Amino acid sequence: SRDNAKKTVYLQLNSLKPEDTAVYYCAAAEVYPAVLDAVYTF
């Protein structure tokens, strides 16, 4: 989800599993859809 007024994006992670263990990165892209990391600029 996102709150543009707060300039914040959220990721709610429920029912977590051990395989979810990772470093999670937030990224910004100028196009949509964007599911490949190559299109993210920041």
PDB file of all heavy atoms in Angstrom:
ATOM      1  N   SER A   1       0.846  -1.181   0.000  1.00  0.00           N
ATOM      2  CA  SER A   1       0.000   0.000   0.000  1.00  0.00           C
ATOM      3  C   SER A   1       0.885   1.236   0.000  1.00  0.00           C
ATOM      4  O   SER A   1       2.095   1.146   0.220  1.00  0.00           O
ATOM      5  CB  SER A   1      -0.945   0.005   1.207  1.00  0.00           C
ATOM      6  OG  SER A   1      -0.214   0.021   2.419  1.00  0.00           O
ATOM      7  N   ARG A   2       0.275   2.376  -0.256  1.00  0.00           N
ATOM      8  CA  ARG A   2       1.047   3.612  -0.253  1.00  0.00           C
ATOM      9  C   ARG A   2       0.217   4.755   0.278  1.00  0.00           C
ATOM     10  O   ARG A   2      -1.009   4.776   0.169  1.00  0.00           O
ATOM     11  CB  ARG A   2       1.574   3.939  -1.665  1.00  0.00           C
ATOM     12  CG  ARG A   2       0.501   4.279  -2.685  1.00  0.00           C
ATOM     13  CD  ARG A   2       1.093   4.326  -4.090  1.00  0.00           C
ATOM     14  NE  ARG A   2       2.070   5.391  -4.256  1.00  0.00           N
ATOM     15  CZ  ARG A   2       2.965   5.438  -5.231  1.00  0.00           C
ATOM     16  NH1 ARG A   2       3.024   4.459  -6.132  1.00  0.00           N
ATOM     17  NH2 ARG A   2       3.814   6.461  -5.304  1.00  0.00           N
ATOM     18  N   ASP A   3       0.902   5.711   0.869  1.00  0.00           N
ATOM     19  CA  ASP A   3       0.296   6.926   1.359  1.00  0.00           C
ATOM     20  C   ASP A   3       1.098   8.066   0.752  1.00  0.00           C
ATOM     21  O   ASP A   3       2.178   8.405   1.240  1.00  0.00           O
ATOM     22  CB  ASP A   3       0.324   6.978   2.887  1.00  0.00           C
ATOM     23  CG  ASP A   3      -0.427   8.164   3.447  1.00  0.00           C
ATOM     24  OD1 ASP A   3      -0.543   9.196   2.754  1.00  0.00           O
ATOM     25  OD2 ASP A   3      -0.909   8.068   4.588  1.00  0.00           O
ATOM     26  N   ASN A   4       0.580   8.620  -0.314  1.00  0.00           N
ATOM     27  CA  ASN A   4       1.327   9.645  -1.031  1.00  0.00           C
ATOM     28  C   ASN A   4       1.529  10.907  -0.196  1.00  0.00           C
ATOM     29  O   ASN A   4       2.540  11.596  -0.348  1.00  0.00           O
ATOM     30  CB  ASN A   4       0.630   9.982  -2.347  1.00  0.00           C
ATOM     31  CG  ASN A   4       0.726   8.870  -3.359  1.00  0.00           C
ATOM     32  OD1 ASN A   4       1.611   8.013  -3.280  1.00  0.00           O
ATOM     33  ND2 ASN A   4      -0.174   8.863  -4.331  1.00  0.00           N
ATOM     34  N   ALA A   5       0.564  11.213   0.665  1.00  0.00           N
ATOM     35  CA  ALA A   5       0.699  12.387   1.520  1.00  0.00           C
ATOM     36  C   ALA A   5       1.882  12.242   2.464  1.00  0.00           C
ATOM     37  O   ALA A   5       2.540  13.226   2.799  1.00  0.00           O
ATOM     38  CB  ALA A   5      -0.579  12.633   2.309  1.00  0.00           C
ATOM     39  N   LYS A   6       2.147  11.013   2.897  1.00  0.00           N
ATOM     40  CA  LYS A   6       3.269  10.745   3.793  1.00  0.00           C
ATOM     41  C   LYS A   6       4.521  10.324   3.046  1.00  0.00           C
ATOM     42  O   LYS A   6       5.550  10.068   3.672  1.00  0.00           O
ATOM     43  CB  LYS A   6       2.894   9.665   4.807  1.00  0.00           C
ATOM     44  CG  LYS A   6       1.761  10.049   5.739  1.00  0.00           C
ATOM     45  CD  LYS A   6       1.462   8.928   6.726  1.00  0.00           C
ATOM     46  CE  LYS A   6       0.358   9.309   7.677  1.00  0.00           C
ATOM     47  NZ  LYS A   6       0.042   8.222   8.631  1.00  0.00           N
ATOM     48  N   LYS A   7       4.432  10.240   1.727  1.00  0.00           N
ATOM     49  CA  LYS A   7       5.553   9.795   0.897  1.00  0.00           C
ATOM     50  C   LYS A   7       6.097   8.464   1.392  1.00  0.00           C
ATOM     51  O   LYS A   7       7.308   8.272   1.530  1.00  0.00           O
ATOM     52  CB  LYS A   7       6.658  10.854   0.866  1.00  0.00           C
ATOM     53  CG  LYS A   7       6.264  12.150   0.187  1.00  0.00           C
ATOM     54  CD  LYS A   7       7.454  13.092   0.111  1.00  0.00           C
ATOM     55  CE  LYS A   7       7.112  14.356  -0.636  1.00  0.00           C
ATOM     56  NZ  LYS A   7       8.288  15.264  -0.750  1.00  0.00           N
ATOM     57  N   THR A   8       5.196   7.546   1.649  1.00  0.00           N
ATOM     58  CA  THR A   8       5.568   6.269   2.232  1.00  0.00           C
ATOM     59  C   THR A   8       4.846   5.117   1.540  1.00  0.00           C
ATOM     60  O   THR A   8       3.661   5.226   1.230  1.00  0.00           O
ATOM     61  CB  THR A   8       5.241   6.233   3.734  1.00  0.00           C
ATOM     62  OG1 THR A   8       5.920   7.318   4.389  1.00  0.00           O
ATOM     63  CG2 THR A   8       5.689   4.928   4.364  1.00  0.00           C
ATOM     64  N   VAL A   9       5.569   4.037   1.309  1.00  0.00           N
ATOM     65  CA  VAL A   9       4.987   2.802   0.816  1.00  0.00           C
ATOM     66  C   VAL A   9       5.179   1.743   1.891  1.00  0.00           C
ATOM     67  O   VAL A   9       6.200   1.730   2.592  1.00  0.00           O
ATOM     68  CB  VAL A   9       5.616   2.371  -0.528  1.00  0.00           C
ATOM     69  CG1 VAL A   9       7.114   2.103  -0.376  1.00  0.00           C
ATOM     70  CG2 VAL A   9       4.904   1.150  -1.090  1.00  0.00           C
ATOM     71  N   TYR A  10       4.186   0.860   2.032  1.00  0.00           N
ATOM     72  CA  TYR A  10       4.208  -0.151   3.066  1.00  0.00           C
ATOM     73  C   TYR A  10       4.137  -1.539   2.459  1.00  0.00           C
ATOM     74  O   TYR A  10       3.589  -1.743   1.377  1.00  0.00           O
ATOM     75  CB  TYR A  10       3.025   0.017   4.018  1.00  0.00           C
ATOM     76  CG  TYR A  10       2.909   1.382   4.639  1.00  0.00           C
ATOM     77  CD1 TYR A  10       2.093   2.360   4.072  1.00  0.00           C
ATOM     78  CD2 TYR A  10       3.615   1.701   5.792  1.00  0.00           C
ATOM     79  CE1 TYR A  10       1.977   3.612   4.638  1.00  0.00           C
ATOM     80  CE2 TYR A  10       3.509   2.956   6.365  1.00  0.00           C
ATOM     81  CZ  TYR A  10       2.693   3.906   5.791  1.00  0.00           C
ATOM     82  OH  TYR A  10       2.587   5.152   6.360  1.00  0.00           O
ATOM     83  N   LEU A  11       4.665  -2.481   3.179  1.00  0.00           N
ATOM     84  CA  LEU A  11       4.488  -3.880   2.843  1.00  0.00           C
ATOM     85  C   LEU A  11       4.096  -4.614   4.116  1.00  0.00           C
ATOM     86  O   LEU A  11       4.898  -4.715   5.046  1.00  0.00           O
ATOM     87  CB  LEU A  11       5.755  -4.495   2.247  1.00  0.00           C
ATOM     88  CG  LEU A  11       5.610  -5.930   1.746  1.00  0.00           C
ATOM     89  CD1 LEU A  11       4.695  -5.974   0.518  1.00  0.00           C
ATOM     90  CD2 LEU A  11       6.969  -6.534   1.410  1.00  0.00           C
ATOM     91  N   GLN A  12       2.854  -5.073   4.155  1.00  0.00           N
ATOM     92  CA  GLN A  12       2.367  -5.858   5.275  1.00  0.00           C
ATOM     93  C   GLN A  12       2.666  -7.320   5.001  1.00  0.00           C
ATOM     94  O   GLN A  12       2.209  -7.871   4.000  1.00  0.00           O
ATOM     95  CB  GLN A  12       0.865  -5.650   5.464  1.00  0.00           C
ATOM     96  CG  GLN A  12       0.250  -6.454   6.603  1.00  0.00           C
ATOM     97  CD  GLN A  12       0.709  -5.992   7.960  1.00  0.00           C
ATOM     98  OE1 GLN A  12       0.822  -4.798   8.196  1.00  0.00           O
ATOM     99  NE2 GLN A  12       0.975  -6.928   8.855  1.00  0.00           N
ATOM    100  N   LEU A  13       3.437  -7.935   5.865  1.00  0.00           N
ATOM    101  CA  LEU A  13       3.838  -9.326   5.702  1.00  0.00           C
ATOM    102  C   LEU A  13       3.135 -10.162   6.768  1.00  0.00           C
ATOM    103  O   LEU A  13       3.436 -10.043   7.954  1.00  0.00           O
ATOM    104  CB  LEU A  13       5.351  -9.505   5.835  1.00  0.00           C
ATOM    105  CG  LEU A  13       6.271  -8.780   4.838  1.00  0.00           C
ATOM    106  CD1 LEU A  13       6.452  -7.317   5.221  1.00  0.00           C
ATOM    107  CD2 LEU A  13       7.631  -9.463   4.813  1.00  0.00           C
ATOM    108  N   ASN A  14       2.200 -10.987   6.345  1.00  0.00           N
ATOM    109  CA  ASN A  14       1.472 -11.862   7.251  1.00  0.00           C
ATOM    110  C   ASN A  14       1.840 -13.316   7.007  1.00  0.00           C
ATOM    111  O   ASN A  14       2.348 -13.674   5.946  1.00  0.00           O
ATOM    112  CB  ASN A  14      -0.040 -11.679   7.077  1.00  0.00           C
ATOM    113  CG  ASN A  14      -0.529 -10.311   7.459  1.00  0.00           C
ATOM    114  OD1 ASN A  14       0.030  -9.653   8.332  1.00  0.00           O
ATOM    115  ND2 ASN A  14      -1.606  -9.864   6.806  1.00  0.00           N
ATOM    116  N   SER A  15       1.554 -14.141   7.988  1.00  0.00           N
ATOM    117  CA  SER A  15       1.805 -15.580   7.884  1.00  0.00           C
ATOM    118  C   SER A  15       3.216 -15.856   7.393  1.00  0.00           C
ATOM    119  O   SER A  15       3.433 -16.654   6.475  1.00  0.00           O
ATOM    120  CB  SER A  15       0.775 -16.227   6.951  1.00  0.00           C
ATOM    121  OG  SER A  15      -0.542 -16.015   7.409  1.00  0.00           O
ATOM    122  N   LEU A  16       4.166 -15.223   8.012  1.00  0.00           N
ATOM    123  CA  LEU A  16       5.550 -15.324   7.565  1.00  0.00           C
ATOM    124  C   LEU A  16       6.086 -16.743   7.699  1.00  0.00           C
ATOM    125  O   LEU A  16       5.760 -17.467   8.647  1.00  0.00           O
ATOM    126  CB  LEU A  16       6.424 -14.349   8.341  1.00  0.00           C
ATOM    127  CG  LEU A  16       6.308 -12.898   7.877  1.00  0.00           C
ATOM    128  CD1 LEU A  16       6.855 -11.949   8.926  1.00  0.00           C
ATOM    129  CD2 LEU A  16       7.050 -12.719   6.554  1.00  0.00           C
ATOM    130  N   LYS A  17       6.904 -17.106   6.740  1.00  0.00           N
ATOM    131  CA  LYS A  17       7.529 -18.412   6.686  1.00  0.00           C
ATOM    132  C   LYS A  17       9.045 -18.249   6.723  1.00  0.00           C
ATOM    133  O   LYS A  17       9.562 -17.209   6.334  1.00  0.00           O
ATOM    134  CB  LYS A  17       7.138 -19.143   5.397  1.00  0.00           C
ATOM    135  CG  LYS A  17       5.648 -19.249   5.147  1.00  0.00           C
ATOM    136  CD  LYS A  17       5.373 -19.845   3.772  1.00  0.00           C
ATOM    137  CE  LYS A  17       3.887 -19.932   3.491  1.00  0.00           C
ATOM    138  NZ  LYS A  17       3.625 -20.494   2.142  1.00  0.00           N
ATOM    139  N   PRO A  18       9.761 -19.266   7.161  1.00  0.00           N
ATOM    140  CA  PRO A  18      11.226 -19.165   7.160  1.00  0.00           C
ATOM    141  C   PRO A  18      11.798 -18.804   5.791  1.00  0.00           C
ATOM    142  O   PRO A  18      12.807 -18.089   5.726  1.00  0.00           O
ATOM    143  CB  PRO A  18      11.672 -20.557   7.609  1.00  0.00           C
ATOM    144  CG  PRO A  18      10.563 -21.021   8.483  1.00  0.00           C
ATOM    145  CD  PRO A  18       9.307 -20.505   7.829  1.00  0.00           C
ATOM    146  N   GLU A  19      11.166 -19.262   4.725  1.00  0.00           N
ATOM    147  CA  GLU A  19      11.652 -18.950   3.389  1.00  0.00           C
ATOM    148  C   GLU A  19      11.454 -17.491   2.997  1.00  0.00           C
ATOM    149  O   GLU A  19      11.946 -17.055   1.956  1.00  0.00           O
ATOM    150  CB  GLU A  19      11.007 -19.864   2.335  1.00  0.00           C
ATOM    151  CG  GLU A  19       9.491 -19.918   2.403  1.00  0.00           C
ATOM    152  CD  GLU A  19       8.982 -21.128   3.167  1.00  0.00           C
ATOM    153  OE1 GLU A  19       9.537 -21.426   4.247  1.00  0.00           O
ATOM    154  OE2 GLU A  19       8.037 -21.778   2.689  1.00  0.00           O
ATOM    155  N   ASP A  20      10.738 -16.726   3.811  1.00  0.00           N
ATOM    156  CA  ASP A  20      10.613 -15.290   3.587  1.00  0.00           C
ATOM    157  C   ASP A  20      11.824 -14.520   4.103  1.00  0.00           C
ATOM    158  O   ASP A  20      11.924 -13.317   3.880  1.00  0.00           O
ATOM    159  CB  ASP A  20       9.354 -14.740   4.260  1.00  0.00           C
ATOM    160  CG  ASP A  20       8.070 -15.282   3.648  1.00  0.00           C
ATOM    161  OD1 ASP A  20       8.002 -15.396   2.404  1.00  0.00           O
ATOM    162  OD2 ASP A  20       7.139 -15.590   4.414  1.00  0.00           O
ATOM    163  N   THR A  21      12.699 -15.196   4.799  1.00  0.00           N
ATOM    164  CA  THR A  21      13.889 -14.549   5.343  1.00  0.00           C
ATOM    165  C   THR A  21      14.733 -13.968   4.216  1.00  0.00           C
ATOM    166  O   THR A  21      15.116 -14.673   3.279  1.00  0.00           O
ATOM    167  CB  THR A  21      14.715 -15.546   6.156  1.00  0.00           C
ATOM    168  OG1 THR A  21      13.972 -15.968   7.301  1.00  0.00           O
ATOM    169  CG2 THR A  21      16.023 -14.915   6.619  1.00  0.00           C
ATOM    170  N   ALA A  22      15.008 -12.679   4.302  1.00  0.00           N
ATOM    171  CA  ALA A  22      15.759 -11.987   3.264  1.00  0.00           C
ATOM    172  C   ALA A  22      15.950 -10.545   3.673  1.00  0.00           C
ATOM    173  O   ALA A  22      15.338 -10.061   4.627  1.00  0.00           O
ATOM    174  CB  ALA A  22      15.021 -12.052   1.927  1.00  0.00           C
ATOM    175  N   VAL A  23      16.795  -9.862   2.924  1.00  0.00           N
ATOM    176  CA  VAL A  23      16.852  -8.414   3.005  1.00  0.00           C
ATOM    177  C   VAL A  23      15.803  -7.876   2.043  1.00  0.00           C
ATOM    178  O   VAL A  23      15.791  -8.238   0.867  1.00  0.00           O
ATOM    179  CB  VAL A  23      18.244  -7.871   2.648  1.00  0.00           C
ATOM    180  CG1 VAL A  23      18.239  -6.348   2.651  1.00  0.00           C
ATOM    181  CG2 VAL A  23      19.282  -8.400   3.625  1.00  0.00           C
ATOM    182  N   TYR A  24      14.927  -7.038   2.543  1.00  0.00           N
ATOM    183  CA  TYR A  24      13.859  -6.472   1.732  1.00  0.00           C
ATOM    184  C   TYR A  24      14.219  -5.061   1.312  1.00  0.00           C
ATOM    185  O   TYR A  24      14.587  -4.224   2.141  1.00  0.00           O
ATOM    186  CB  TYR A  24      12.541  -6.473   2.511  1.00  0.00           C
ATOM    187  CG  TYR A  24      11.911  -7.836   2.573  1.00  0.00           C
ATOM    188  CD1 TYR A  24      12.479  -8.843   3.348  1.00  0.00           C
ATOM    189  CD2 TYR A  24      10.760  -8.133   1.843  1.00  0.00           C
ATOM    190  CE1 TYR A  24      11.920 -10.112   3.388  1.00  0.00           C
ATOM    191  CE2 TYR A  24      10.188  -9.395   1.879  1.00  0.00           C
ATOM    192  CZ  TYR A  24      10.774 -10.376   2.655  1.00  0.00           C
ATOM    193  OH  TYR A  24      10.208 -11.635   2.694  1.00  0.00           O
ATOM    194  N   TYR A  25      14.100  -4.799   0.021  1.00  0.00           N
ATOM    195  CA  TYR A  25      14.468  -3.519  -0.550  1.00  0.00           C
ATOM    196  C   TYR A  25      13.254  -2.810  -1.136  1.00  0.00           C
ATOM    197  O   TYR A  25      12.437  -3.433  -1.822  1.00  0.00           O
ATOM    198  CB  TYR A  25      15.496  -3.689  -1.668  1.00  0.00           C
ATOM    199  CG  TYR A  25      16.816  -4.261  -1.222  1.00  0.00           C
ATOM    200  CD1 TYR A  25      17.053  -5.628  -1.272  1.00  0.00           C
ATOM    201  CD2 TYR A  25      17.833  -3.428  -0.768  1.00  0.00           C
ATOM    202  CE1 TYR A  25      18.265  -6.158  -0.871  1.00  0.00           C
ATOM    203  CE2 TYR A  25      19.050  -3.947  -0.371  1.00  0.00           C
ATOM    204  CZ  TYR A  25      19.261  -5.314  -0.426  1.00  0.00           C
ATOM    205  OH  TYR A  25      20.470  -5.833  -0.027  1.00  0.00           O
ATOM    206  N   CYS A  26      13.170  -1.554  -0.878  1.00  0.00           N
ATOM    207  CA  CYS A  26      12.187  -0.689  -1.500  1.00  0.00           C
ATOM    208  C   CYS A  26      12.823  -0.043  -2.722  1.00  0.00           C
ATOM    209  O   CYS A  26      14.004   0.295  -2.706  1.00  0.00           O
ATOM    210  CB  CYS A  26      11.740   0.377  -0.498  1.00  0.00           C
ATOM    211  SG  CYS A  26      10.621   1.628  -1.144  1.00  0.00           S
ATOM    212  N   ALA A  27      12.045   0.124  -3.788  1.00  0.00           N
ATOM    213  CA  ALA A  27      12.577   0.713  -5.007  1.00  0.00           C
ATOM    214  C   ALA A  27      11.512   1.535  -5.712  1.00  0.00           C
ATOM    215  O   ALA A  27      10.311   1.304  -5.547  1.00  0.00           O
ATOM    216  CB  ALA A  27      13.098  -0.381  -5.945  1.00  0.00           C
ATOM    217  N   ALA A  28      11.959   2.492  -6.514  1.00  0.00           N
ATOM    218  CA  ALA A  28      11.065   3.373  -7.257  1.00  0.00           C
ATOM    219  C   ALA A  28      11.359   3.287  -8.743  1.00  0.00           C
ATOM    220  O   ALA A  28      12.521   3.271  -9.154  1.00  0.00           O
ATOM    221  CB  ALA A  28      11.212   4.810  -6.774  1.00  0.00           C
ATOM    222  N   ALA A  29      10.296   3.236  -9.541  1.00  0.00           N
ATOM    223  CA  ALA A  29      10.403   3.200 -10.991  1.00  0.00           C
ATOM    224  C   ALA A  29       9.507   4.269 -11.596  1.00  0.00           C
ATOM    225  O   ALA A  29       8.555   4.729 -10.960  1.00  0.00           O
ATOM    226  CB  ALA A  29      10.020   1.820 -11.524  1.00  0.00           C
ATOM    227  N   GLU A  30       9.786   4.623 -12.832  1.00  0.00           N
ATOM    228  CA  GLU A  30       9.012   5.653 -13.508  1.00  0.00           C
ATOM    229  C   GLU A  30       7.960   5.086 -14.448  1.00  0.00           C
ATOM    230  O   GLU A  30       7.271   5.851 -15.127  1.00  0.00           O
ATOM    231  CB  GLU A  30       9.950   6.583 -14.276  1.00  0.00           C
ATOM    232  CG  GLU A  30      10.920   7.323 -13.378  1.00  0.00           C
ATOM    233  CD  GLU A  30      11.831   8.269 -14.133  1.00  0.00           C
ATOM    234  OE1 GLU A  30      11.413   8.761 -15.201  1.00  0.00           O
ATOM    235  OE2 GLU A  30      12.945   8.518 -13.655  1.00  0.00           O
ATOM    236  N   VAL A  31       7.842   3.775 -14.496  1.00  0.00           N
ATOM    237  CA  VAL A  31       6.862   3.131 -15.361  1.00  0.00           C
ATOM    238  C   VAL A  31       6.067   2.107 -14.571  1.00  0.00           C
ATOM    239  O   VAL A  31       6.487   1.639 -13.508  1.00  0.00           O
ATOM    240  CB  VAL A  31       7.530   2.436 -16.567  1.00  0.00           C
ATOM    241  CG1 VAL A  31       8.250   3.448 -17.435  1.00  0.00           C
ATOM    242  CG2 VAL A  31       8.492   1.348 -16.095  1.00  0.00           C
ATOM    243  N   TYR A  32       4.898   1.737 -15.107  1.00  0.00           N
ATOM    244  CA  TYR A  32       4.077   0.679 -14.549  1.00  0.00           C
ATOM    245  C   TYR A  32       3.451  -0.088 -15.699  1.00  0.00           C
ATOM    246  O   TYR A  32       2.970   0.528 -16.649  1.00  0.00           O
ATOM    247  CB  TYR A  32       2.986   1.224 -13.629  1.00  0.00           C
ATOM    248  CG  TYR A  32       2.233   0.124 -12.928  1.00  0.00           C
ATOM    249  CD1 TYR A  32       2.653  -0.349 -11.693  1.00  0.00           C
ATOM    250  CD2 TYR A  32       1.116  -0.466 -13.516  1.00  0.00           C
ATOM    251  CE1 TYR A  32       1.983  -1.376 -11.057  1.00  0.00           C
ATOM    252  CE2 TYR A  32       0.443  -1.501 -12.882  1.00  0.00           C
ATOM    253  CZ  TYR A  32       0.881  -1.952 -11.645  1.00  0.00           C
ATOM    254  OH  TYR A  32       0.217  -2.975 -11.033  1.00  0.00           O
ATOM    255  N   PRO A  33       3.401  -1.427 -15.682  1.00  0.00           N
ATOM    256  CA  PRO A  33       3.891  -2.264 -14.578  1.00  0.00           C
ATOM    257  C   PRO A  33       5.414  -2.337 -14.530  1.00  0.00           C
ATOM    258  O   PRO A  33       6.092  -2.072 -15.519  1.00  0.00           O
ATOM    259  CB  PRO A  33       3.288  -3.632 -14.907  1.00  0.00           C
ATOM    260  CG  PRO A  33       3.209  -3.642 -16.400  1.00  0.00           C
ATOM    261  CD  PRO A  33       2.810  -2.240 -16.768  1.00  0.00           C
ATOM    262  N   ALA A  34       5.912  -2.701 -13.373  1.00  0.00           N
ATOM    263  CA  ALA A  34       7.348  -2.806 -13.167  1.00  0.00           C
ATOM    264  C   ALA A  34       7.621  -3.935 -12.181  1.00  0.00           C
ATOM    265  O   ALA A  34       7.518  -3.742 -10.970  1.00  0.00           O
ATOM    266  CB  ALA A  34       7.916  -1.494 -12.647  1.00  0.00           C
ATOM    267  N   VAL A  35       7.928  -5.096 -12.703  1.00  0.00           N
ATOM    268  CA  VAL A  35       8.212  -6.256 -11.865  1.00  0.00           C
ATOM    269  C   VAL A  35       9.644  -6.734 -12.016  1.00  0.00           C
ATOM    270  O   VAL A  35      10.058  -7.654 -11.320  1.00  0.00           O
ATOM    271  CB  VAL A  35       7.242  -7.415 -12.167  1.00  0.00           C
ATOM    272  CG1 VAL A  35       5.807  -6.997 -11.878  1.00  0.00           C
ATOM    273  CG2 VAL A  35       7.382  -7.878 -13.611  1.00  0.00           C
ATOM    274  N   LEU A  36      10.392  -6.127 -12.917  1.00  0.00           N
ATOM    275  CA  LEU A  36      11.793  -6.463 -13.097  1.00  0.00           C
ATOM    276  C   LEU A  36      12.650  -5.383 -12.456  1.00  0.00           C
ATOM    277  O   LEU A  36      12.407  -4.198 -12.641  1.00  0.00           O
ATOM    278  CB  LEU A  36      12.146  -6.593 -14.580  1.00  0.00           C
ATOM    279  CG  LEU A  36      11.376  -7.657 -15.357  1.00  0.00           C
ATOM    280  CD1 LEU A  36      11.782  -7.636 -16.825  1.00  0.00           C
ATOM    281  CD2 LEU A  36      11.605  -9.037 -14.762  1.00  0.00           C
ATOM    282  N   ASP A  37      13.670  -5.798 -11.728  1.00  0.00           N
ATOM    283  CA  ASP A  37      14.476  -4.830 -11.009  1.00  0.00           C
ATOM    284  C   ASP A  37      15.232  -3.883 -11.931  1.00  0.00           C
ATOM    285  O   ASP A  37      15.616  -2.788 -11.520  1.00  0.00           O
ATOM    286  CB  ASP A  37      15.432  -5.511 -10.025  1.00  0.00           C
ATOM    287  CG  ASP A  37      16.337  -6.547 -10.676  1.00  0.00           C
ATOM    288  OD1 ASP A  37      16.327  -6.682 -11.915  1.00  0.00           O
ATOM    289  OD2 ASP A  37      17.068  -7.223  -9.930  1.00  0.00           O
ATOM    290  N   ALA A  38      15.418  -4.283 -13.188  1.00  0.00           N
ATOM    291  CA  ALA A  38      16.163  -3.455 -14.123  1.00  0.00           C
ATOM    292  C   ALA A  38      15.478  -2.130 -14.423  1.00  0.00           C
ATOM    293  O   ALA A  38      16.139  -1.175 -14.834  1.00  0.00           O
ATOM    294  CB  ALA A  38      16.411  -4.218 -15.423  1.00  0.00           C
ATOM    295  N   VAL A  39      14.169  -2.043 -14.236  1.00  0.00           N
ATOM    296  CA  VAL A  39      13.450  -0.812 -14.560  1.00  0.00           C
ATOM    297  C   VAL A  39      13.361   0.141 -13.369  1.00  0.00           C
ATOM    298  O   VAL A  39      12.855   1.252 -13.519  1.00  0.00           O
ATOM    299  CB  VAL A  39      12.037  -1.101 -15.098  1.00  0.00           C
ATOM    300  CG1 VAL A  39      12.099  -2.063 -16.268  1.00  0.00           C
ATOM    301  CG2 VAL A  39      11.131  -1.644 -14.006  1.00  0.00           C
ATOM    302  N   TYR A  40      13.848  -0.268 -12.230  1.00  0.00           N
ATOM    303  CA  TYR A  40      13.810   0.589 -11.048  1.00  0.00           C
ATOM    304  C   TYR A  40      15.054   1.458 -10.989  1.00  0.00           C
ATOM    305  O   TYR A  40      16.175   0.969 -11.129  1.00  0.00           O
ATOM    306  CB  TYR A  40      13.661  -0.244  -9.773  1.00  0.00           C
ATOM    307  CG  TYR A  40      12.262  -0.780  -9.610  1.00  0.00           C
ATOM    308  CD1 TYR A  40      11.853  -1.936 -10.258  1.00  0.00           C
ATOM    309  CD2 TYR A  40      11.338  -0.103  -8.819  1.00  0.00           C
ATOM    310  CE1 TYR A  40      10.558  -2.410 -10.128  1.00  0.00           C
ATOM    311  CE2 TYR A  40      10.045  -0.577  -8.681  1.00  0.00           C
ATOM    312  CZ  TYR A  40       9.659  -1.729  -9.335  1.00  0.00           C
ATOM    313  OH  TYR A  40       8.376  -2.202  -9.199  1.00  0.00           O
ATOM    314  N   THR A  41      14.837   2.723 -10.749  1.00  0.00           N
ATOM    315  CA  THR A  41      15.913   3.702 -10.771  1.00  0.00           C
ATOM    316  C   THR A  41      16.512   3.964  -9.401  1.00  0.00           C
ATOM    317  O   THR A  41      17.724   4.175  -9.276  1.00  0.00           O
ATOM    318  CB  THR A  41      15.406   5.030 -11.359  1.00  0.00           C
ATOM    319  OG1 THR A  41      14.857   4.803 -12.669  1.00  0.00           O
ATOM    320  CG2 THR A  41      16.539   6.039 -11.472  1.00  0.00           C
ATOM    321  N   PHE A  42      15.674   3.955  -8.377  1.00  0.00           N
ATOM    322  CA  PHE A  42      16.115   4.297  -7.033  1.00  0.00           C
ATOM    323  C   PHE A  42      15.858   3.134  -6.086  1.00  0.00           C
ATOM    324  O   PHE A  42      14.820   2.477  -6.164  1.00  0.00           O
ATOM    325  CB  PHE A  42      15.400   5.549  -6.518  1.00  0.00           C
ATOM    326  CG  PHE A  42      15.588   6.744  -7.401  1.00  0.00           C
ATOM    327  CD1 PHE A  42      14.624   7.105  -8.317  1.00  0.00           C
ATOM    328  CD2 PHE A  42      16.747   7.502  -7.312  1.00  0.00           C
ATOM    329  CE1 PHE A  42      14.789   8.203  -9.140  1.00  0.00           C
ATOM    330  CE2 PHE A  42      16.932   8.604  -8.131  1.00  0.00           C
ATOM    331  CZ  PHE A  42      15.949   8.958  -9.047  1.00  0.00           C
TER     332      PHE A  42
END
